[in-house]
C-alpha atoms as a PDB file:
ATOM      1  CA  MET A   1     -34.461  68.865 -39.574  1.00  0.00           C
ATOM      2  CA  PRO A   2     -34.544  71.254 -36.562  1.00  0.00           C
ATOM      3  CA  PRO A   3     -33.466  74.809 -37.169  1.00  0.00           C
ATOM      4  CA  ARG A   4     -29.859  75.741 -36.514  1.00  0.00           C
ATOM      5  CA  THR A   5     -28.992  77.848 -33.540  1.00  0.00           C
ATOM      6  CA  PRO A   6     -26.197  80.306 -33.736  1.00  0.00           C
ATOM      7  CA  ALA A   7     -24.639  78.912 -30.468  1.00  0.00           C
ATOM      8  CA  GLU A   8     -23.840  75.456 -31.965  1.00  0.00           C
ATOM      9  CA  PRO A   9     -21.656  74.743 -34.945  1.00  0.00           C
ATOM     10  CA  LEU A  10     -23.213  73.177 -37.998  1.00  0.00           C
ATOM     11  CA  GLU A  11     -21.364  69.870 -37.640  1.00  0.00           C
ATOM     12  CA  MET A  12     -22.606  69.154 -34.063  1.00  0.00           C
ATOM     13  CA  GLN A  13     -26.241  69.792 -35.039  1.00  0.00           C
ATOM     14  CA  ASP A  14     -25.987  67.371 -37.963  1.00  0.00           C
ATOM     15  CA  LEU A  15     -24.321  64.650 -35.808  1.00  0.00           C
ATOM     16  CA  ARG A  16     -26.937  64.834 -33.023  1.00  0.00           C
ATOM     17  CA  ALA A  17     -29.717  64.559 -35.563  1.00  0.00           C
ATOM     18  CA  ALA A  18     -28.165  61.457 -37.189  1.00  0.00           C
ATOM     19  CA  LEU A  19     -27.871  59.474 -33.909  1.00  0.00           C
ATOM     20  CA  PRO A  20     -30.781  57.220 -32.781  1.00  0.00           C
ATOM     21  CA  SER A  21     -32.806  58.208 -29.781  1.00  0.00           C
ATOM     22  CA  ASP A  22     -31.556  55.095 -27.755  1.00  0.00           C
ATOM     23  CA  PRO A  23     -27.993  54.425 -28.978  1.00  0.00           C
ATOM     24  CA  PHE A  24     -27.327  51.608 -26.378  1.00  0.00           C
ATOM     25  CA  GLY A  25     -30.551  49.687 -26.978  1.00  0.00           C
ATOM     26  CA  SER A  26     -32.601  48.122 -24.164  1.00  0.00           C
ATOM     27  CA  ASP A  27     -29.433  47.351 -22.069  1.00  0.00           C
ATOM     28  CA  ALA A  28     -28.629  50.989 -21.538  1.00  0.00           C
ATOM     29  CA  GLY A  29     -27.214  51.691 -18.105  1.00  0.00           C
ATOM     30  CA  GLU A  30     -25.879  48.098 -17.532  1.00  0.00           C
ATOM     31  CA  GLN A  31     -22.144  47.605 -17.319  1.00  0.00           C
ATOM     32  CA  VAL A  32     -20.525  44.890 -19.446  1.00  0.00           C
ATOM     33  CA  LEU A  33     -17.702  43.148 -17.530  1.00  0.00           C
ATOM     34  CA  ASP A  34     -15.099  40.695 -18.649  1.00  0.00           C
ATOM     35  CA  ASP A  35     -14.565  37.366 -16.904  1.00  0.00           C
ATOM     36  CA  ASP A  36     -12.030  38.629 -14.341  1.00  0.00           C
ATOM     37  CA  GLU A  37     -14.177  41.580 -13.350  1.00  0.00           C
ATOM     38  CA  ALA A  38     -17.256  39.385 -13.107  1.00  0.00           C
ATOM     39  CA  ALA A  39     -15.497  36.907 -10.829  1.00  0.00           C
ATOM     40  CA  PHE A  40     -14.161  39.628  -8.543  1.00  0.00           C
ATOM     41  CA  SER A  41     -17.368  41.651  -8.330  1.00  0.00           C
ATOM     42  CA  GLY A  42     -19.658  38.643  -7.925  1.00  0.00           C
ATOM     43  CA  ALA A  43     -21.512  39.122 -11.194  1.00  0.00           C
ATOM     44  CA  GLY A  44     -23.054  35.917 -12.388  1.00  0.00           C
ATOM     45  CA  LEU A  45     -23.509  34.612  -8.798  1.00  0.00           C
ATOM     46  CA  GLY A  46     -27.233  35.117  -8.669  1.00  0.00           C
ATOM     47  CA  GLY A  47     -26.885  38.883  -8.977  1.00  0.00           C
ATOM     48  CA  ASP A  48     -25.128  39.143  -5.600  1.00  0.00           C
ATOM     49  CA  VAL A  49     -22.852  42.086  -6.279  1.00  0.00           C
ATOM     50  CA  ASP A  50     -21.963  42.193  -2.556  1.00  0.00           C
ATOM     51  CA  TYR A  51     -20.207  38.775  -2.730  1.00  0.00           C
ATOM     52  CA  ASP A  52     -17.621  38.309   0.058  1.00  0.00           C
ATOM     53  CA  PRO A  53     -15.030  35.552  -0.593  1.00  0.00           C
ATOM     54  CA  TRP A  54     -14.088  35.325   3.108  1.00  0.00           C
ATOM     55  CA  ALA A  55     -17.688  34.791   4.148  1.00  0.00           C
ATOM     56  CA  GLN A  56     -18.092  32.121   1.491  1.00  0.00           C
ATOM     57  CA  ALA A  57     -14.975  30.302   2.763  1.00  0.00           C
ATOM     58  CA  ALA A  58     -16.401  30.330   6.280  1.00  0.00           C
ATOM     59  CA  ARG A  59     -19.676  28.878   5.011  1.00  0.00           C
ATOM     60  CA  ASP A  60     -17.804  26.122   3.146  1.00  0.00           C
ATOM     61  CA  ALA A  61     -15.813  25.232   6.281  1.00  0.00           C
ATOM     62  CA  ALA A  62     -19.003  25.075   8.312  1.00  0.00           C
ATOM     63  CA  ALA A  63     -20.565  22.755   5.739  1.00  0.00           C
ATOM     64  CA  ARG A  64     -17.551  20.446   5.889  1.00  0.00           C
ATOM     65  CA  SER A  65     -17.621  20.356   9.673  1.00  0.00           C
ATOM     66  CA  ASP A  66     -21.302  19.460   9.591  1.00  0.00           C
ATOM     67  CA  ALA A  67     -20.455  16.472   7.362  1.00  0.00           C
ATOM     68  CA  ARG A  68     -18.039  15.019   9.960  1.00  0.00           C
ATOM     69  CA  PRO A  69     -19.677  13.026  12.775  1.00  0.00           C
ATOM     70  CA  GLN A  70     -19.777  14.663  16.165  1.00  0.00           C
ATOM     71  CA  PRO A  71     -17.571  13.187  18.899  1.00  0.00           C
ATOM     72  CA  LEU A  72     -19.250  11.308  21.718  1.00  0.00           C
ATOM     73  CA  CYS A  73     -20.089  13.155  24.914  1.00  0.00           C
ATOM     74  CA  PRO A  74     -17.764  11.879  27.700  1.00  0.00           C
ATOM     75  CA  ALA A  75     -20.334  12.413  30.449  1.00  0.00           C
ATOM     76  CA  PHE A  76     -23.091  10.568  28.594  1.00  0.00           C
ATOM     77  CA  LEU A  77     -20.616   7.860  27.560  1.00  0.00           C
ATOM     78  CA  ALA A  78     -19.844   6.929  31.163  1.00  0.00           C
ATOM     79  CA  SER A  79     -23.162   7.383  32.951  1.00  0.00           C
ATOM     80  CA  GLY A  80     -25.840   7.880  30.318  1.00  0.00           C
ATOM     81  CA  VAL A  81     -26.650  11.322  31.746  1.00  0.00           C
ATOM     82  CA  CYS A  82     -25.455  14.629  30.319  1.00  0.00           C
ATOM     83  CA  PRO A  83     -25.644  17.782  32.481  1.00  0.00           C
ATOM     84  CA  ARG A  84     -26.169  19.935  29.391  1.00  0.00           C
ATOM     85  CA  GLY A  85     -29.039  17.874  28.045  1.00  0.00           C
ATOM     86  CA  GLU A  86     -30.239  18.905  24.612  1.00  0.00           C
ATOM     87  CA  ARG A  87     -27.871  21.880  24.617  1.00  0.00           C
ATOM     88  CA  CYS A  88     -24.870  19.534  24.395  1.00  0.00           C
ATOM     89  CA  ASP A  89     -22.941  20.002  21.166  1.00  0.00           C
ATOM     90  CA  ARG A  90     -21.707  16.388  21.173  1.00  0.00           C
ATOM     91  CA  ALA A  91     -23.392  13.145  20.214  1.00  0.00           C
ATOM     92  CA  HIS A  92     -25.043  10.986  22.853  1.00  0.00           C
ATOM     93  CA  GLY A  93     -24.094   7.378  22.162  1.00  0.00           C
ATOM     94  CA  LEU A  94     -26.257   4.287  22.276  1.00  0.00           C
ATOM     95  CA  LEU A  95     -25.897   1.628  24.967  1.00  0.00           C
ATOM     96  CA  CYS A  96     -23.440  -1.208  24.300  1.00  0.00           C
ATOM     97  CA  ALA A  97     -24.746  -4.493  25.699  1.00  0.00           C
ATOM     98  CA  ARG A  98     -21.248  -5.890  26.351  1.00  0.00           C
ATOM     99  CA  CYS A  99     -19.485  -3.094  28.231  1.00  0.00           C
ATOM    100  CA  GLY A 100     -22.590  -1.292  29.556  1.00  0.00           C
ATOM    101  CA  ARG A 101     -21.467   2.112  28.297  1.00  0.00           C
ATOM    102  CA  HIS A 102     -23.123   4.428  25.796  1.00  0.00           C
ATOM    103  CA  ALA A 103     -20.250   3.952  23.346  1.00  0.00           C
ATOM    104  CA  LEU A 104     -22.102   3.252  20.078  1.00  0.00           C
ATOM    105  CA  HIS A 105     -22.180   6.324  17.841  1.00  0.00           C
ATOM    106  CA  PRO A 106     -25.763   7.072  16.749  1.00  0.00           C
ATOM    107  CA  THR A 107     -24.873   8.280  13.236  1.00  0.00           C
ATOM    108  CA  ASP A 108     -21.385   6.935  12.473  1.00  0.00           C
ATOM    109  CA  GLU A 109     -21.959   3.273  11.613  1.00  0.00           C
ATOM    110  CA  ARG A 110     -18.257   2.605  11.038  1.00  0.00           C
ATOM    111  CA  ALA A 111     -17.277   3.857  14.497  1.00  0.00           C
ATOM    112  CA  ALA A 112     -20.081   1.865  16.111  1.00  0.00           C
ATOM    113  CA  ALA A 113     -19.019  -1.342  14.330  1.00  0.00           C
ATOM    114  CA  ALA A 114     -15.377  -0.789  15.333  1.00  0.00           C
ATOM    115  CA  HIS A 115     -16.347  -0.457  18.994  1.00  0.00           C
ATOM    116  CA  GLU A 116     -18.465  -3.614  18.872  1.00  0.00           C
ATOM    117  CA  ALA A 117     -15.572  -5.615  17.386  1.00  0.00           C
ATOM    118  CA  GLU A 118     -13.047  -4.264  19.891  1.00  0.00           C
ATOM    119  CA  CYS A 119     -15.416  -4.797  22.813  1.00  0.00           C
ATOM    120  CA  ALA A 120     -16.159  -8.388  21.748  1.00  0.00           C
ATOM    121  CA  ALA A 121     -12.452  -9.226  21.438  1.00  0.00           C
ATOM    122  CA  ARG A 122     -11.683  -7.724  24.853  1.00  0.00           C
ATOM    123  CA  HIS A 123     -14.467  -9.650  26.570  1.00  0.00           C
ATOM    124  CA  GLU A 124     -13.395 -12.866  24.860  1.00  0.00           C
ATOM    125  CA  ARG A 125      -9.869 -12.449  26.230  1.00  0.00           C
ATOM    126  CA  LEU A 126     -11.203 -11.854  29.733  1.00  0.00           C
ATOM    127  CA  ALA A 127     -13.510 -14.858  29.488  1.00  0.00           C
ATOM    128  CA  ALA A 128     -10.653 -17.069  28.295  1.00  0.00           C
ATOM    129  CA  ARG A 129      -8.505 -16.030  31.249  1.00  0.00           C
ATOM    130  CA  SER A 130     -11.301 -16.703  33.712  1.00  0.00           C
ATOM    131  CA  ARG A 131     -11.891 -20.172  32.225  1.00  0.00           C
ATOM    132  CA  THR A 132      -8.199 -21.083  32.485  1.00  0.00           C
ATOM    133  CA  ALA A 133      -7.718 -19.760  36.023  1.00  0.00           C
ATOM    134  CA  ALA A 134      -8.268 -23.197  37.594  1.00  0.00           C
ATOM    135  CA  LEU A 135      -5.975 -25.224  35.290  1.00  0.00           C
ATOM    136  CA  GLU A 136      -3.078 -26.984  37.025  1.00  0.00           C
ATOM    137  CA  CYS A 137       0.370 -27.857  35.741  1.00  0.00           C
ATOM    138  CA  GLY A 138       0.921 -31.578  35.178  1.00  0.00           C
ATOM    139  CA  ILE A 139       4.431 -31.398  36.661  1.00  0.00           C
ATOM    140  CA  CYS A 140       4.302 -29.126  39.714  1.00  0.00           C
ATOM    141  CA  LEU A 141       0.520 -29.640  40.272  1.00  0.00           C
ATOM    142  CA  GLU A 142       0.040 -25.922  40.944  1.00  0.00           C
ATOM    143  CA  ARG A 143      -2.432 -23.576  39.309  1.00  0.00           C
ATOM    144  CA  VAL A 144      -0.648 -21.918  36.409  1.00  0.00           C
ATOM    145  CA  MET A 145      -2.398 -18.560  36.769  1.00  0.00           C
ATOM    146  CA  GLY A 146      -2.015 -18.623  40.558  1.00  0.00           C
ATOM    147  CA  LYS A 147       1.780 -18.781  40.733  1.00  0.00           C
ATOM    148  CA  PRO A 148       3.464 -16.106  42.896  1.00  0.00           C
ATOM    149  CA  ASP A 149       5.809 -15.015  40.098  1.00  0.00           C
ATOM    150  CA  PRO A 150       3.861 -13.185  37.358  1.00  0.00           C
ATOM    151  CA  ALA A 151       6.443 -14.270  34.769  1.00  0.00           C
ATOM    152  CA  ALA A 152       5.612 -17.921  35.509  1.00  0.00           C
ATOM    153  CA  ARG A 153       1.898 -17.482  34.805  1.00  0.00           C
ATOM    154  CA  ARG A 154       2.176 -18.804  31.263  1.00  0.00           C
ATOM    155  CA  PHE A 155       1.347 -22.105  29.649  1.00  0.00           C
ATOM    156  CA  GLY A 156       3.794 -24.235  27.691  1.00  0.00           C
ATOM    157  CA  LEU A 157       1.843 -25.668  24.759  1.00  0.00           C
ATOM    158  CA  LEU A 158       2.816 -28.994  23.208  1.00  0.00           C
ATOM    159  CA  ASN A 159       1.110 -30.978  20.442  1.00  0.00           C
ATOM    160  CA  CYS A 160      -1.193 -32.718  22.928  1.00  0.00           C
ATOM    161  CA  GLU A 161      -3.912 -31.563  25.323  1.00  0.00           C
ATOM    162  CA  HIS A 162      -1.916 -31.864  28.550  1.00  0.00           C
ATOM    163  CA  CYS A 163      -1.404 -28.693  30.551  1.00  0.00           C
ATOM    164  CA  PHE A 164       1.985 -27.527  31.838  1.00  0.00           C
ATOM    165  CA  CYS A 165       3.333 -24.231  33.042  1.00  0.00           C
ATOM    166  CA  LEU A 166       6.107 -22.805  30.898  1.00  0.00           C
ATOM    167  CA  PRO A 167       8.941 -22.931  33.497  1.00  0.00           C
ATOM    168  CA  CYS A 168       8.230 -26.574  34.402  1.00  0.00           C
ATOM    169  CA  ILE A 169       8.031 -27.951  30.866  1.00  0.00           C
ATOM    170  CA  ARG A 170      11.158 -26.079  29.798  1.00  0.00           C
ATOM    171  CA  ALA A 171      13.096 -27.299  32.822  1.00  0.00           C
ATOM    172  CA  TRP A 172      11.912 -30.862  32.210  1.00  0.00           C
ATOM    173  CA  ARG A 173      13.053 -30.803  28.584  1.00  0.00           C
ATOM    174  CA  GLN A 174      16.477 -29.451  29.559  1.00  0.00           C
ATOM    175  CA  GLU A 175      17.262 -32.237  32.030  1.00  0.00           C
ATOM    176  CA  GLY A 176      20.563 -33.831  31.052  1.00  0.00           C
ATOM    177  CA  GLU A 177      19.818 -37.208  32.606  1.00  0.00           C
ATOM    178  CA  VAL A 178      16.998 -37.974  30.177  1.00  0.00           C
ATOM    179  CA  ASP A 179      17.592 -39.558  26.777  1.00  0.00           C
ATOM    180  CA  THR A 180      17.910 -36.694  24.308  1.00  0.00           C
ATOM    181  CA  GLU A 181      16.616 -38.746  21.379  1.00  0.00           C
ATOM    182  CA  THR A 182      13.294 -39.762  22.942  1.00  0.00           C
ATOM    183  CA  ALA A 183      11.932 -38.280  26.158  1.00  0.00           C
ATOM    184  CA  LEU A 184      13.148 -34.711  25.768  1.00  0.00           C
ATOM    185  CA  ARG A 185      10.971 -34.206  22.688  1.00  0.00           C
ATOM    186  CA  THR A 186       7.847 -35.897  23.985  1.00  0.00           C
ATOM    187  CA  CYS A 187       5.082 -35.061  26.412  1.00  0.00           C
ATOM    188  CA  PRO A 188       5.825 -36.125  30.021  1.00  0.00           C
ATOM    189  CA  VAL A 189       2.367 -37.743  30.251  1.00  0.00           C
ATOM    190  CA  CYS A 190       1.423 -39.232  26.875  1.00  0.00           C
ATOM    191  CA  ARG A 191       4.891 -39.301  25.216  1.00  0.00           C
ATOM    192  CA  GLN A 192       3.584 -37.616  22.081  1.00  0.00           C
ATOM    193  CA  THR A 193       6.370 -36.002  20.077  1.00  0.00           C
ATOM    194  CA  ALA A 194       6.766 -32.246  20.512  1.00  0.00           C
ATOM    195  CA  HIS A 195       9.803 -30.591  18.949  1.00  0.00           C
ATOM    196  CA  PHE A 196       9.251 -27.203  20.581  1.00  0.00           C
ATOM    197  CA  VAL A 197       7.252 -25.480  23.319  1.00  0.00           C
ATOM    198  CA  THR A 198       4.958 -22.536  22.574  1.00  0.00           C
ATOM    199  CA  PRO A 199       4.466 -19.935  25.345  1.00  0.00           C
ATOM    200  CA  SER A 200       0.904 -18.684  25.792  1.00  0.00           C
ATOM    201  CA  ASN A 201      -0.928 -16.480  28.272  1.00  0.00           C
ATOM    202  CA  VAL A 202      -4.195 -18.352  27.688  1.00  0.00           C
ATOM    203  CA  TRP A 203      -5.077 -22.005  27.303  1.00  0.00           C
ATOM    204  CA  PRO A 204      -6.532 -22.828  23.858  1.00  0.00           C
ATOM    205  CA  GLU A 205      -9.888 -24.580  23.983  1.00  0.00           C
ATOM    206  CA  THR A 206      -9.987 -25.665  20.333  1.00  0.00           C
ATOM    207  CA  ALA A 207      -7.503 -26.924  17.771  1.00  0.00           C
ATOM    208  CA  GLU A 208      -7.999 -23.761  15.730  1.00  0.00           C
ATOM    209  CA  GLN A 209      -7.023 -21.578  18.679  1.00  0.00           C
ATOM    210  CA  ARG A 210      -3.936 -23.708  19.309  1.00  0.00           C
ATOM    211  CA  GLU A 211      -2.869 -23.445  15.671  1.00  0.00           C
ATOM    212  CA  ALA A 212      -3.362 -19.676  15.709  1.00  0.00           C
ATOM    213  CA  ILE A 213      -1.220 -19.283  18.847  1.00  0.00           C
ATOM    214  CA  VAL A 214       1.549 -21.488  17.435  1.00  0.00           C
ATOM    215  CA  ALA A 215       1.495 -19.676  14.075  1.00  0.00           C
ATOM    216  CA  ALA A 216       1.760 -16.271  15.761  1.00  0.00           C
ATOM    217  CA  TYR A 217       4.655 -17.493  17.917  1.00  0.00           C
ATOM    218  CA  ARG A 218       6.575 -18.892  14.940  1.00  0.00           C
ATOM    219  CA  ALA A 219       5.983 -15.702  12.964  1.00  0.00           C
ATOM    220  CA  LYS A 220       7.479 -13.694  15.824  1.00  0.00           C
ATOM    221  CA  LEU A 221      10.545 -15.966  15.994  1.00  0.00           C
ATOM    222  CA  GLY A 222      10.989 -15.542  12.251  1.00  0.00           C
ATOM    223  CA  THR A 223      11.858 -11.879  12.807  1.00  0.00           C
ATOM    224  CA  ILE A 224      14.749 -12.686  15.214  1.00  0.00           C
ATOM    225  CA  ASP A 225      18.202 -13.571  13.863  1.00  0.00           C
ATOM    226  CA  CYS A 226      19.499 -17.041  14.694  1.00  0.00           C
ATOM    227  CA  MET A 227      22.528 -16.879  16.988  1.00  0.00           C
ATOM    228  CA  TYR A 228      23.904 -20.153  15.615  1.00  0.00           C
ATOM    229  CA  PHE A 229      23.694 -19.044  11.981  1.00  0.00           C
ATOM    230  CA  ASP A 230      25.409 -15.745  12.921  1.00  0.00           C
ATOM    231  CA  LYS A 231      24.827 -13.921   9.617  1.00  0.00           C
ATOM    232  CA  GLY A 232      26.241 -16.873   7.664  1.00  0.00           C
ATOM    233  CA  ARG A 233      29.440 -17.181   9.696  1.00  0.00           C
ATOM    234  CA  GLY A 234      28.160 -20.102  11.757  1.00  0.00           C
ATOM    235  CA  VAL A 235      26.217 -23.318  11.292  1.00  0.00           C
ATOM    236  CA  CYS A 236      22.779 -23.842  12.782  1.00  0.00           C
ATOM    237  CA  PRO A 237      22.308 -27.389  14.123  1.00  0.00           C
ATOM    238  CA  PHE A 238      18.569 -27.220  13.395  1.00  0.00           C
ATOM    239  CA  GLY A 239      19.020 -26.506   9.678  1.00  0.00           C
ATOM    240  CA  ILE A 240      15.811 -25.838   7.770  1.00  0.00           C
ATOM    241  CA  SER A 241      13.787 -26.679  10.892  1.00  0.00           C
ATOM    242  CA  CYS A 242      15.052 -23.605  12.745  1.00  0.00           C
ATOM    243  CA  HIS A 243      12.316 -21.134  13.607  1.00  0.00           C
ATOM    244  CA  TYR A 244      14.657 -18.142  13.718  1.00  0.00           C
ATOM    245  CA  ARG A 245      15.741 -16.047  10.761  1.00  0.00           C
ATOM    246  CA  HIS A 246      18.804 -17.076   8.767  1.00  0.00           C
ATOM    247  CA  ALA A 247      19.910 -13.812   7.170  1.00  0.00           C
ATOM    248  CA  TYR A 248      23.282 -12.690   5.833  1.00  0.00           C
ATOM    249  CA  ASP A 249      24.966  -9.333   6.386  1.00  0.00           C
ATOM    250  CA  ASP A 250      23.477  -7.931   3.163  1.00  0.00           C
ATOM    251  CA  GLY A 251      19.961  -8.783   4.344  1.00  0.00           C
ATOM    252  CA  SER A 252      19.390 -11.726   2.004  1.00  0.00           C
ATOM    253  CA  LEU A 253      17.900 -14.895   3.473  1.00  0.00           C
ATOM    254  CA  GLU A 254      19.328 -18.396   3.346  1.00  0.00           C
ATOM    255  CA  ASP A 255      17.763 -20.755   0.839  1.00  0.00           C
ATOM    256  CA  ARG A 256      15.824 -23.296   2.888  1.00  0.00           C
ATOM    257  CA  THR A 257      14.604 -25.389  -0.014  1.00  0.00           C
ATOM    258  CA  CYS A 258      14.441 -29.055   0.924  1.00  0.00           C
ATOM    259  CA  ARG A 259      16.464 -31.363  -1.315  1.00  0.00           C
ATOM    260  CA  ILE A 260      15.338 -34.982  -1.440  1.00  0.00           C
ATOM    261  CA  ALA A 261      17.389 -37.815  -2.943  1.00  0.00           C
ATOM    262  CA  ALA A 262      16.721 -41.529  -3.446  1.00  0.00           C
ATOM    263  CA  VAL A 263      19.187 -44.051  -2.037  1.00  0.00           C
ATOM    264  CA  ASP A 264      19.998 -47.503  -3.428  1.00  0.00           C
ATOM    265  CA  ASP A 265      17.006 -49.242  -1.876  1.00  0.00           C
ATOM    266  CA  GLY A 266      14.616 -46.595  -3.250  1.00  0.00           C
ATOM    267  CA  GLU A 267      14.056 -44.812   0.062  1.00  0.00           C
ATOM    268  CA  LEU A 268      13.783 -41.025  -0.098  1.00  0.00           C
ATOM    269  CA  ARG A 269      16.012 -39.084   2.257  1.00  0.00           C
ATOM    270  CA  LEU A 270      16.511 -35.417   2.969  1.00  0.00           C
ATOM    271  CA  VAL A 271      19.855 -34.108   1.724  1.00  0.00           C
ATOM    272  CA  LYS A 272      21.509 -31.726   4.160  1.00  0.00           C
ATOM    273  CA  PRO A 273      24.953 -30.143   4.436  1.00  0.00           C
ATOM    274  CA  VAL A 274      27.607 -32.270   6.090  1.00  0.00           C
ATOM    275  CA  GLN A 275      28.472 -31.065   9.594  1.00  0.00           C
ATOM    276  CA  LEU A 276      31.225 -32.092  11.954  1.00  0.00           C
ATOM    277  CA  SER A 277      28.658 -32.839  14.644  1.00  0.00           C
ATOM    278  CA  ASP A 278      27.272 -35.633  12.462  1.00  0.00           C
ATOM    279  CA  TYR A 279      30.399 -37.698  13.177  1.00  0.00           C
ATOM    280  CA  ILE A 280      30.698 -36.904  16.888  1.00  0.00           C
ATOM    281  CA  GLN A 281      28.561 -38.696  19.438  1.00  0.00           C
ATOM    282  CA  ILE A 282      28.171 -36.801  22.681  1.00  0.00           C
ATOM    283  CA  THR A 283      27.044 -38.770  25.704  1.00  0.00           C
ATOM    284  CA  LYS A 284      26.343 -37.539  29.186  1.00  0.00           C
ATOM    285  CA  LYS A 285      26.982 -39.834  32.113  1.00  0.00           C
ATOM    286  CA  LYS A 286      25.635 -39.439  35.577  1.00  0.00           C
ATOM    287  CA  SER A 287      28.385 -38.848  38.087  1.00  0.00           C
ATOM    288  CA  LYS A 288      28.488 -41.312  40.966  1.00  0.00           C
ATOM    289  CA  SER A 289      29.986 -40.568  44.341  1.00  0.00           C
ATOM    290  CA  ARG A 290      32.656 -42.933  45.632  1.00  0.00           C
ATOM    291  CA  ARG A 291      31.846 -45.039  48.598  1.00  0.00           C
ATOM    292  CA  SER A 292      34.242 -44.916  51.460  1.00  0.00           C
END
């Protein structure tokens, strides 16, 4: 035990002698932080005590922007030449064989596939119009796509392959002097039955194209309220064959389920509501001028 000095009390000399030479062990001089202090000061992040949260947010935003594909360069898209060259910060697209523009994204496969599909559909529409430019109407014998009135440059599709312009075939079917039970619902050339006319800007070359055009037209009519049904207040003469929507005021649709019944001779017939028009026969007579 070291000798006592008169300047220090006895208790302090005994306490200093009882303490170890390194009271904090090998970690002396290091600060122990709790979780909140460690997160704020950056401890535990690779020893970077100068951690800046704002700088880290900027680095994260830059990483996210690098993950998004670059937009196409407008100059290179149109001409294939960019005035900035390699210094351009936008992507230089690949050449599209259909449209002749550099519109295919070099890294974004989804965008490139979308352009190819859109470009193919657009060129198919243009090709279909060019192929149908020389077709003539079977009634007026004029080219359908060459009519002076742009509204008349549409085809009226029937169930057959004969070509008519929409104004002519509609006017022919509305003639009052023709038998309403036969000729009005048939083709003027082959007399094949056609209950309705489908407008179309292009002439279908295959049966599949014709069916697609007719289906799209009927789907569009199904969104329009029937003026004869009149929200349930009227009676539609076409019944379940009507292409328009039969909806009530509350938005519910009319039940168009077909009911079939067998008569005495075993024949199956469609049961429909009784209408006053079923018992009235309307005939149209051609007026004749009196001779003097």
